[in-house]
Every structure is written in C-alpha cells, then in structure tokens.
Amino acid sequence: MTVNRFIKMIIFLLLPANILAQPSSLALVREQKPADEVRQWLWRQSDSGDIFPFLRATREKVEFLDADSHVSASYNLLPLSKIQSSPDNEVVAFIERLSDEADIENRKFLYHIVRFDGREIFSVLVSCVADEPYPAIYVSDKGDALLVDGAKGEVKIFRAQAEAEKIIDLFPDDVYNFEKPIDAAISADGKWFSVVAQKHPSFFSEEKLEYVSGEPHLFLFSIDGEKQWQRQLKKATGASTAISPDGYYIVASHYSAQTSSAPELQTSIYYINGKEVLNLPLRFRLCKFSPDGSTLWLADTRDLYQVDLQSKNYNHYKLISDDTNQLIMDFALQKEGEVVILTGKAVFSTDHFEYRELKILQFANHQFSAFNTDFADETMILPSIFVLKKQLAFGLTNGIKIFRDQRE
C-alpha cells in the first residue's frame, strides 16, 4: 500500500545551550516528602478538579491515598515489581509473593485487582515452577483482567471475578515454549484487547548466519475472548502493542535484528476490522492517542513521532542525539498538539535502575523548549508524570511535586 508520508526531523541535544529554556512558567503548588523511598506513584483527579496521588509503592508495600494524602488501604508487594493500571486509573493490579523466597521449585503468587480507593475487587492465585516466568497482568477500568502467560502461550480472561471466564491458547498447534506473549493492551472502553505474541523466541542461526524469526503475530479479541482477527507481523520479533480508547485503531511494533547494521524497525497500524492503515519505519516504547483518537503520538528512547491517522502523514522529531545518555522516560498530552516530555539519565543503583538529571520539556508548534525547573538533584525509579490541563504532577523517589502552568 502506498502511503503519503511527510517526515519532519528536528534535532536537539539535551544540553542547556541547545534546547531553548523558557522563563519559568511553572508555579509549585504542592510538595510532599514521605519517609520511605517511593518506587512508583499513580495519579487521579479529585472531586475539586485537582491532581492528587492515589497510590504510592515502596519496595515491598502498596499504599492507597485519598485526596488529603491519608492512607486508606495497604497491601504487600513482590519486591521491585511494578503496579499495572487501567487506561483511566480506575483499577490497578499488582503481585504479592506467598511462598517462601527460598522455595524456587514451587513458587506461589497472588495477583490483587484493586479499585483506586483501595477496595479489592478480586485476587488470582498463580503458581510457577522453577524459573518459569510469572504471567503479566493487564486490567480494564471496569475491573476485568487479562493474565498473559508467557510460559504456556495463553491468555486468561477474568470478568471482575476470581474464576477465569475463558482461556485462550494463542497458538494451539504449537508446542509448549517460553516467551510467546510479549505485550497486550486493553481499550479504554473495556470492549477490546490486543496481544502481540510470537511462536518462539527469535534466535541467531550459526548455520545461516542470520536471525531466525520468532514468527510474531498481532491478535485482536473482544473482551469476552472472541478472536476478531490475527495478522502475522513481517519482522522477526514483536515488541509492543497499543489500542485506541474506542478500539478503532490497533498498533504493533516489530523489528528484525541485524549483525552488521541497525535493526530493521516497523510499526504497523490497523483498523478494528483488520485492514492495514499504514506501516512506519520505527519502533515505539510509549504510545498516546489524542482524546478524539485522530492523532497518535509515539516515542522511542530518543525520538518523538506525531501520526495523523486521518491523512496518514507523520512527523518525526529527533529530540535527543544518539551520543548522550539522556532518554525519554515518559510523556503526556497537555492539549491538542502540545506534549510535556520527561527525560532523564538511567543509572543502575544497587538492585534497580533509577533516573537522574531529570528535565521537563514541552513540545508545541513543532518546537521544543525546556521548563526552567530545577530537578537536578531529584531522582525517579519508575517514570511518573500526569498532566491535567494546566496542572503538571511528577512522582519522585523522595516525594511529589505538582505545578501549575501560568502561561496564558
């Protein structure tokens, strides 16, 4: 399919002299410093219209907070694990270890599916043998959950209850193998989910002197488990998938490793009926749809892409040069055509990575500028940014900072 592509590249080095620093338009309106080191923060809008953190996770504990920062509920957490949230943060899911840490032959875990106020909807017991990976979990705003098992190549659907309503074998004719499902996504309306999976891991063949494809596929299902369609992706390995809020667009990235050159990257976009919209020569880690679903924003480690899904044109903005250690950690849409971007330098610390040298950038009118905000001494373990109109919130290792954008 021939696609009219318009590519616009703007290169910035993440150095003070190379990104335009605008006068500080951010006013600090709230700051909070808890006693413990916080790995992850999640955010919501209060009844009064203000941003507040409704969840904070330390190394081994999850705490749910009200708008006044009072703890309403707490749970145990598998150390160093990540909390998964639904598209609009109505529901979260996290994992707790039940078995003794020394018992590696018969490991038992409990997945908690919990509302934003700390009330548990249900929990799911999971058993893993030896070094078998525990399943990944994805949740909808209605409390439905997908348990995606990489060891068995299957997806279990839980409809707001502890018993699986349906079990899907993604490759029923294939043998038991590891690393089949790679990523999944649920639409904001809770009606659809997509899965990227491959029949087997991609590997390098010493005989052929080339990488052998893992045969990645993209699947679309309705939330009750009915398969809508399946498409084999062209490259060797699948990486990520995303789905628009209404399920109308489904996105998947895939790539082929190379021995003598850069990987061949591709992102494929499909309509809900399975018809291909376009292919882009890129890979994404982060994906956001505009509220009306007409624009798709993608980000890799150093690049930002703006895709007009109606005209099928896209712009490519090179935000960070390849010779720096800075990375795009996360980004959020402030309003139509404006993006707030969080960048930092990933550094390994004891048993985890953390981000340092944090910077807040804004993209508007095809230009980048840096907010003149001092985050030089702050760190993050898991990226945390939330934007609501003129409010910008950031969850740091040692607390939170909420700003108000004072620009007219």
Protein backbone atom coordinates (compact mmCIF):
# COMPACT_ATOMS: atom_id res chain seq x y z
CA MET A 1 0.00 0.00 0.00
CA THR A 2 1.30 3.40 -0.98
CA VAL A 3 1.14 5.94 1.82
CA ASN A 4 1.79 9.65 1.55
CA ARG A 5 4.42 10.28 4.22
CA PHE A 6 5.68 13.61 5.40
CA ILE A 7 8.69 13.38 7.69
CA LYS A 8 9.94 16.35 9.62
CA MET A 9 13.10 15.94 11.64
CA ILE A 10 14.27 18.40 14.25
CA ILE A 11 17.43 17.56 16.14
CA PHE A 12 18.14 18.75 19.67
CA LEU A 13 20.95 17.83 22.01
CA LEU A 14 19.90 17.65 25.62
CA LEU A 15 22.27 20.38 26.72
CA PRO A 16 21.22 23.74 28.19
CA ALA A 17 22.60 25.63 25.19
CA ASN A 18 20.73 23.57 22.63
CA ILE A 19 17.18 23.43 23.97
CA LEU A 20 15.53 26.77 24.39
CA ALA A 21 14.91 27.42 28.09
CA GLN A 22 11.77 29.47 28.52
CA PRO A 23 11.16 31.69 31.55
CA SER A 24 9.82 29.64 34.44
CA SER A 25 6.08 29.43 33.86
CA LEU A 26 5.58 26.62 36.37
CA ALA A 27 4.48 27.58 39.87
CA LEU A 28 4.92 24.92 42.55
CA VAL A 29 1.54 24.43 44.23
CA ARG A 30 2.14 21.26 46.23
CA GLU A 31 5.12 19.33 47.50
CA GLN A 32 5.19 16.26 49.71
CA LYS A 33 8.04 14.14 51.04
CA PRO A 34 7.14 10.75 52.58
CA ALA A 35 9.51 8.96 54.94
CA ASP A 36 10.21 5.96 52.69
CA GLU A 37 11.79 5.77 49.25
CA VAL A 38 8.97 5.55 46.71
CA ARG A 39 9.35 3.46 43.56
CA GLN A 40 6.08 4.33 41.84
CA TRP A 41 3.31 6.93 42.02
CA LEU A 42 -0.09 6.89 40.28
CA TRP A 43 -2.40 9.87 39.85
CA ARG A 44 -6.07 10.88 39.59
CA GLN A 45 -8.27 13.96 39.51
CA SER A 46 -10.03 14.86 42.76
CA ASP A 47 -13.67 15.95 43.02
CA SER A 48 -12.43 19.55 43.19
CA GLY A 49 -10.56 19.15 39.88
CA ASP A 50 -7.04 18.97 41.30
CA ILE A 51 -4.41 16.29 40.71
CA PHE A 52 -3.57 14.04 43.63
CA PRO A 53 -1.53 10.82 44.04
CA PHE A 54 -3.89 7.95 44.83
CA LEU A 55 -1.17 5.29 45.04
CA ARG A 56 2.43 5.06 46.11
CA ALA A 57 4.55 1.93 46.06
CA THR A 58 7.71 1.36 48.05
CA ARG A 59 9.97 -1.66 47.68
CA GLU A 60 7.56 -4.10 49.38
CA LYS A 61 4.32 -2.21 50.01
CA VAL A 62 1.46 -0.56 48.11
CA GLU A 63 -0.46 2.26 49.79
CA PHE A 64 -3.70 3.83 48.56
CA LEU A 65 -4.21 7.51 49.37
CA ASP A 66 -7.19 9.84 49.45
CA ALA A 67 -7.09 13.41 48.13
CA ASP A 68 -5.71 14.58 51.51
CA SER A 69 -2.87 12.00 51.37
CA HIS A 70 -4.35 9.84 54.12
CA VAL A 71 -3.68 6.10 53.70
CA SER A 72 -6.96 4.28 53.05
CA ALA A 73 -5.54 0.79 52.42
CA SER A 74 -2.21 -1.01 52.11
CA TYR A 75 -1.03 -4.32 50.63
CA ASN A 76 2.16 -6.35 50.42
CA LEU A 77 4.06 -6.19 47.13
CA LEU A 78 6.51 -8.51 45.43
CA PRO A 79 9.80 -6.60 45.85
CA LEU A 80 10.78 -4.49 42.85
CA SER A 81 7.63 -5.34 40.89
CA LYS A 82 5.54 -2.77 39.04
CA ILE A 83 1.91 -1.81 39.53
CA GLN A 84 -0.21 -2.06 36.38
CA SER A 85 -3.06 0.41 35.94
CA SER A 86 -6.14 0.57 33.72
CA PRO A 87 -6.33 3.24 30.97
CA ASP A 88 -8.01 5.83 33.22
CA ASN A 89 -6.51 4.61 36.52
CA GLU A 90 -9.85 3.32 37.82
CA VAL A 91 -8.32 -0.08 38.64
CA VAL A 92 -4.80 -1.31 39.40
CA ALA A 93 -3.20 -4.74 39.62
CA PHE A 94 -0.09 -5.90 41.44
CA ILE A 95 1.54 -9.10 42.60
CA GLU A 96 2.37 -10.43 46.07
CA ARG A 97 4.65 -13.38 46.84
CA LEU A 98 3.01 -16.05 49.03
CA SER A 99 5.66 -18.79 49.02
CA ASP A 100 8.99 -18.62 50.78
CA GLU A 101 11.60 -16.82 48.69
CA ALA A 102 13.97 -19.78 49.05
CA ASP A 103 11.41 -22.19 47.56
CA ILE A 104 12.22 -21.81 43.87
CA GLU A 105 10.64 -25.12 42.80
CA ASN A 106 7.07 -24.25 43.75
CA ARG A 107 6.57 -20.51 43.74
CA LYS A 108 3.16 -19.08 44.61
CA PHE A 109 1.97 -15.55 43.92
CA LEU A 110 -1.26 -13.64 44.42
CA TYR A 111 -2.44 -11.01 41.97
CA HIS A 112 -4.58 -8.30 43.57
CA ILE A 113 -7.05 -6.39 41.38
CA VAL A 114 -8.00 -3.27 43.33
CA ARG A 115 -10.05 -0.12 42.78
CA PHE A 116 -8.34 3.26 43.03
CA ASP A 117 -9.73 3.75 46.56
CA GLY A 118 -8.05 0.58 47.84
CA ARG A 119 -11.06 -1.77 47.75
CA GLU A 120 -10.10 -5.16 46.35
CA ILE A 121 -12.30 -6.45 43.52
CA PHE A 122 -10.81 -9.96 43.44
CA SER A 123 -7.49 -11.79 43.57
CA VAL A 124 -5.95 -14.58 41.50
CA LEU A 125 -3.59 -17.27 42.78
CA VAL A 126 -0.72 -18.14 40.43
CA SER A 127 1.78 -21.00 40.74
CA CYS A 128 5.08 -21.14 38.86
CA VAL A 129 7.60 -23.96 38.68
CA ALA A 130 11.37 -23.38 38.88
CA ASP A 131 12.46 -20.47 36.67
CA GLU A 132 9.14 -20.29 34.81
CA PRO A 133 8.18 -16.61 34.43
CA TYR A 134 5.06 -15.48 36.26
CA PRO A 135 2.30 -14.15 33.99
CA ALA A 136 1.86 -10.48 33.13
CA ILE A 137 -1.43 -8.81 34.01
CA TYR A 138 -3.48 -6.09 32.29
CA VAL A 139 -6.68 -4.54 33.66
CA SER A 140 -9.62 -2.52 32.36
CA ASP A 141 -11.39 0.36 34.07
CA LYS A 142 -14.33 -1.98 34.71
CA GLY A 143 -12.21 -4.42 36.69
CA ASP A 144 -11.74 -7.08 34.02
CA ALA A 145 -8.26 -8.58 33.87
CA LEU A 146 -6.06 -10.45 31.40
CA LEU A 147 -3.45 -12.85 32.72
CA VAL A 148 -0.95 -13.32 29.88
CA ASP A 149 1.17 -16.42 30.45
CA GLY A 150 4.43 -16.45 28.52
CA ALA A 151 5.27 -20.00 29.58
CA LYS A 152 2.09 -21.50 28.13
CA GLY A 153 1.28 -19.12 25.31
CA GLU A 154 -2.17 -18.42 26.70
CA VAL A 155 -4.40 -15.59 27.87
CA LYS A 156 -6.83 -16.00 30.76
CA ILE A 157 -9.77 -13.59 30.94
CA PHE A 158 -11.24 -12.65 34.33
CA ARG A 159 -14.50 -10.67 34.25
CA ALA A 160 -14.27 -8.92 37.63
CA GLN A 161 -14.17 -12.27 39.43
CA ALA A 162 -11.53 -14.75 40.61
CA GLU A 163 -12.52 -17.56 38.23
CA ALA A 164 -11.27 -17.34 34.65
CA GLU A 165 -14.18 -16.90 32.26
CA LYS A 166 -12.15 -18.04 29.26
CA ILE A 167 -8.68 -19.39 28.47
CA ILE A 168 -7.24 -18.62 25.04
CA ASP A 169 -4.44 -20.71 23.52
CA LEU A 170 -2.82 -18.28 21.11
CA PHE A 171 -1.02 -20.97 19.10
CA PRO A 172 -2.99 -24.20 19.66
CA ASP A 173 -0.94 -26.24 17.17
CA ASP A 174 2.42 -25.18 18.58
CA VAL A 175 4.47 -26.89 21.27
CA TYR A 176 4.86 -25.60 24.83
CA ASN A 177 7.56 -22.92 24.80
CA PHE A 178 8.70 -19.82 26.63
CA GLU A 179 8.38 -16.16 25.65
CA LYS A 180 5.34 -16.40 23.41
CA PRO A 181 3.10 -13.49 24.50
CA ILE A 182 5.12 -10.28 24.65
CA ASP A 183 2.69 -7.42 25.22
CA ALA A 184 -1.04 -6.68 25.48
CA ALA A 185 -3.32 -3.65 25.70
CA ILE A 186 -6.97 -3.04 26.64
CA SER A 187 -9.08 -0.27 25.10
CA ALA A 188 -10.30 2.45 27.44
CA ASP A 189 -13.93 1.47 26.84
CA GLY A 190 -13.06 -2.06 28.00
CA LYS A 191 -14.52 -3.79 24.94
CA TRP A 192 -11.36 -4.89 23.11
CA PHE A 193 -7.84 -6.08 23.74
CA SER A 194 -4.82 -6.69 21.52
CA VAL A 195 -1.93 -9.09 22.05
CA VAL A 196 1.49 -9.29 20.38
CA ALA A 197 2.92 -12.80 20.59
CA GLN A 198 5.41 -14.98 18.78
CA LYS A 199 5.53 -18.73 18.32
CA HIS A 200 9.07 -19.00 19.68
CA PRO A 201 11.94 -16.67 20.61
CA SER A 202 13.88 -15.17 17.73
CA PHE A 203 17.42 -16.56 17.66
CA PHE A 204 20.66 -16.25 15.73
CA SER A 205 21.42 -19.21 13.47
CA GLU A 206 25.13 -20.01 13.37
CA GLU A 207 24.49 -22.13 10.29
CA LYS A 208 22.65 -19.46 8.30
CA LEU A 209 24.49 -16.54 9.92
CA GLU A 210 21.21 -14.69 10.35
CA TYR A 211 18.43 -14.18 12.87
CA VAL A 212 15.56 -16.63 12.58
CA SER A 213 12.14 -15.08 13.01
CA GLY A 214 10.12 -15.84 16.12
CA GLU A 215 7.04 -15.52 13.87
CA PRO A 216 5.37 -12.64 15.74
CA HIS A 217 1.60 -12.18 15.40
CA LEU A 218 -0.86 -9.47 16.35
CA PHE A 219 -4.27 -10.55 17.69
CA LEU A 220 -7.45 -8.60 18.35
CA PHE A 221 -10.07 -10.01 20.73
CA SER A 222 -13.32 -8.76 22.19
CA ILE A 223 -13.24 -8.68 26.00
CA ASP A 224 -15.29 -11.89 26.15
CA GLY A 225 -12.47 -13.70 24.34
CA GLU A 226 -13.82 -13.90 20.79
CA LYS A 227 -10.97 -13.56 18.30
CA GLN A 228 -11.67 -10.86 15.72
CA TRP A 229 -8.55 -11.39 13.61
CA GLN A 230 -4.90 -12.39 13.61
CA ARG A 231 -2.09 -10.91 11.50
CA GLN A 232 1.46 -12.20 11.17
CA LEU A 233 3.95 -9.37 11.53
CA LYS A 234 6.71 -9.08 8.95
CA LYS A 235 9.77 -8.69 11.15
CA ALA A 236 11.49 -11.28 13.34
CA THR A 237 10.40 -10.15 16.78
CA GLY A 238 7.37 -8.38 18.18
CA ALA A 239 7.83 -5.69 20.80
CA SER A 240 4.81 -3.58 21.78
CA THR A 241 1.11 -3.10 21.12
CA ALA A 242 -1.38 -0.32 21.81
CA ILE A 243 -5.06 0.24 21.15
CA SER A 244 -7.05 3.45 20.80
CA PRO A 245 -9.57 4.37 23.53
CA ASP A 246 -12.51 3.20 21.40
CA GLY A 247 -10.64 0.22 19.96
CA TYR A 248 -10.82 1.63 16.43
CA TYR A 249 -7.04 1.56 15.85
CA ILE A 250 -4.65 -1.22 16.84
CA VAL A 251 -0.89 -0.66 16.78
CA ALA A 252 2.07 -3.05 16.94
CA SER A 253 5.81 -2.58 16.64
CA HIS A 254 8.16 -5.29 15.40
CA TYR A 255 11.77 -5.46 14.30
CA SER A 256 14.48 -7.68 12.83
CA ALA A 257 17.90 -7.76 14.47
CA GLN A 258 20.91 -7.29 12.20
CA THR A 259 24.52 -8.31 12.69
CA SER A 260 26.18 -5.59 10.63
CA SER A 261 23.75 -2.69 10.74
CA ALA A 262 20.96 -1.15 12.76
CA PRO A 263 17.80 -3.23 13.32
CA GLU A 264 15.03 -3.00 10.75
CA LEU A 265 12.15 -1.34 12.58
CA GLN A 266 8.47 -1.30 11.73
CA THR A 267 5.24 -0.15 13.36
CA SER A 268 2.01 -1.41 11.82
CA ILE A 269 -1.36 0.27 12.35
CA TYR A 270 -4.66 -1.48 11.66
CA TYR A 271 -8.34 -0.59 11.72
CA ILE A 272 -10.60 -2.53 14.05
CA ASN A 273 -11.72 -4.63 11.07
CA GLY A 274 -8.14 -5.80 10.47
CA LYS A 275 -7.47 -3.63 7.43
CA GLU A 276 -3.97 -2.14 7.42
CA VAL A 277 -3.82 1.64 7.77
CA LEU A 278 -0.08 2.21 7.31
CA ASN A 279 3.40 1.00 8.20
CA LEU A 280 6.05 3.24 9.72
CA PRO A 281 9.83 2.58 9.79
CA LEU A 282 10.10 2.93 13.56
CA ARG A 283 9.70 1.17 16.90
CA PHE A 284 7.90 2.65 19.90
CA ARG A 285 8.07 2.15 23.66
CA LEU A 286 5.40 4.71 24.58
CA CYS A 287 2.10 5.42 22.86
CA LYS A 288 -0.65 8.01 23.46
CA PHE A 289 -3.77 8.74 21.44
CA SER A 290 -5.31 12.21 21.30
CA PRO A 291 -8.70 12.44 23.07
CA ASP A 292 -10.58 12.33 19.77
CA GLY A 293 -8.47 9.42 18.52
CA SER A 294 -7.34 11.22 15.36
CA THR A 295 -3.67 11.63 16.30
CA LEU A 296 -1.20 9.05 17.55
CA TRP A 297 1.91 10.06 19.48
CA LEU A 298 4.76 7.55 19.69
CA ALA A 299 8.10 7.72 21.45
CA ASP A 300 11.21 5.57 21.46
CA THR A 301 14.23 6.26 23.63
CA ARG A 302 15.20 9.49 21.84
CA ASP A 303 12.57 10.19 19.18
CA LEU A 304 9.02 11.54 19.15
CA TYR A 305 6.54 10.80 16.35
CA GLN A 306 3.24 12.50 15.55
CA VAL A 307 0.94 10.43 13.32
CA ASP A 308 -2.18 11.91 11.71
CA LEU A 309 -4.38 8.85 11.37
CA GLN A 310 -6.81 10.54 9.01
CA SER A 311 -4.36 11.95 6.46
CA LYS A 312 -1.85 9.10 7.11
CA ASN A 313 1.01 11.60 7.36
CA TYR A 314 3.51 11.61 10.19
CA ASN A 315 6.22 13.86 11.60
CA HIS A 316 9.45 12.60 13.15
CA TYR A 317 11.16 14.78 15.76
CA LYS A 318 14.65 13.81 16.87
CA LEU A 319 14.58 15.04 20.44
CA ILE A 320 17.84 13.64 21.81
CA SER A 321 21.08 13.00 19.96
CA ASP A 322 22.46 9.47 19.97
CA ASP A 323 25.69 10.49 21.72
CA THR A 324 24.02 11.48 25.00
CA ASN A 325 22.90 9.35 27.95
CA GLN A 326 19.52 11.05 28.22
CA LEU A 327 16.35 9.08 27.45
CA ILE A 328 12.68 9.86 27.02
CA MET A 329 11.18 8.43 30.20
CA ASP A 330 7.53 9.25 29.59
CA PHE A 331 5.30 11.93 28.10
CA ALA A 332 1.78 13.29 28.48
CA LEU A 333 -0.57 15.27 26.26
CA GLN A 334 -1.29 18.73 27.65
CA LYS A 335 -3.72 19.83 24.96
CA GLU A 336 -4.18 19.22 21.25
CA GLY A 337 -0.76 19.45 19.62
CA GLU A 338 1.16 20.06 22.87
CA VAL A 339 3.18 17.43 24.69
CA VAL A 340 5.03 17.52 28.02
CA ILE A 341 8.06 15.22 27.98
CA LEU A 342 10.04 13.84 30.90
CA THR A 343 13.67 12.89 30.21
CA GLY A 344 16.46 11.58 32.37
CA LYS A 345 19.63 9.53 32.58
CA ALA A 346 19.23 5.85 33.57
CA VAL A 347 21.74 4.74 36.22
CA PHE A 348 21.95 1.34 37.94
CA SER A 349 21.78 1.64 41.73
CA THR A 350 22.21 -1.48 43.93
CA ASP A 351 19.39 -3.68 42.56
CA HIS A 352 17.45 -1.39 40.25
CA PHE A 353 17.75 1.37 37.69
CA GLU A 354 16.86 4.91 38.60
CA TYR A 355 16.62 8.11 36.57
CA ARG A 356 18.74 11.16 37.33
CA GLU A 357 19.35 14.58 35.74
CA LEU A 358 15.62 14.95 35.12
CA LYS A 359 14.37 17.51 32.62
CA ILE A 360 10.88 18.66 31.71
CA LEU A 361 10.41 19.62 28.07
CA GLN A 362 7.44 20.92 26.17
CA PHE A 363 6.67 20.36 22.52
CA ALA A 364 4.34 22.86 20.84
CA ASN A 365 4.09 24.31 17.33
CA HIS A 366 6.79 21.90 16.08
CA GLN A 367 9.31 23.27 18.60
CA PHE A 368 10.80 22.05 21.86
CA SER A 369 11.51 24.15 24.91
CA ALA A 370 12.67 23.32 28.43
CA PHE A 371 10.77 24.38 31.52
CA ASN A 372 13.11 26.26 33.81
CA THR A 373 12.50 23.95 36.77
CA ASP A 374 15.29 22.66 38.99
CA PHE A 375 15.13 18.86 39.09
CA ALA A 376 18.90 18.45 39.08
CA ASP A 377 19.05 16.71 42.47
CA GLU A 378 15.85 14.68 42.09
CA THR A 379 15.55 11.02 41.04
CA MET A 380 12.81 8.66 39.86
CA ILE A 381 12.77 4.87 39.89
CA LEU A 382 9.72 4.39 37.66
CA PRO A 383 8.68 7.32 35.45
CA SER A 384 5.74 9.27 36.87
CA ILE A 385 4.13 12.20 35.06
CA PHE A 386 0.49 13.30 34.98
CA VAL A 387 -0.89 16.32 33.17
CA LEU A 388 -4.38 17.75 33.60
CA LYS A 389 -4.99 21.00 31.74
CA LYS A 390 -2.60 23.45 33.42
CA GLN A 391 -1.55 21.10 36.23
CA LEU A 392 1.63 19.03 35.94
CA ALA A 393 2.46 16.38 38.53
CA PHE A 394 5.68 14.40 38.98
CA GLY A 395 6.29 11.46 41.31
CA LEU A 396 9.85 11.39 42.62
CA THR A 397 11.82 8.93 44.72
CA ASN A 398 11.62 11.27 47.69
CA GLY A 399 8.16 12.76 47.16
CA ILE A 400 5.85 14.56 44.75
CA LYS A 401 5.81 17.95 43.08
CA ILE A 402 2.71 19.45 41.49
CA PHE A 403 2.99 22.59 39.36
CA ARG A 404 0.60 24.96 37.66
CA ASP A 405 1.40 26.25 34.19
CA GLN A 406 0.96 30.03 34.42
CA ARG A 407 1.12 30.75 30.72
CA GLU A 408 -1.94 32.32 29.15
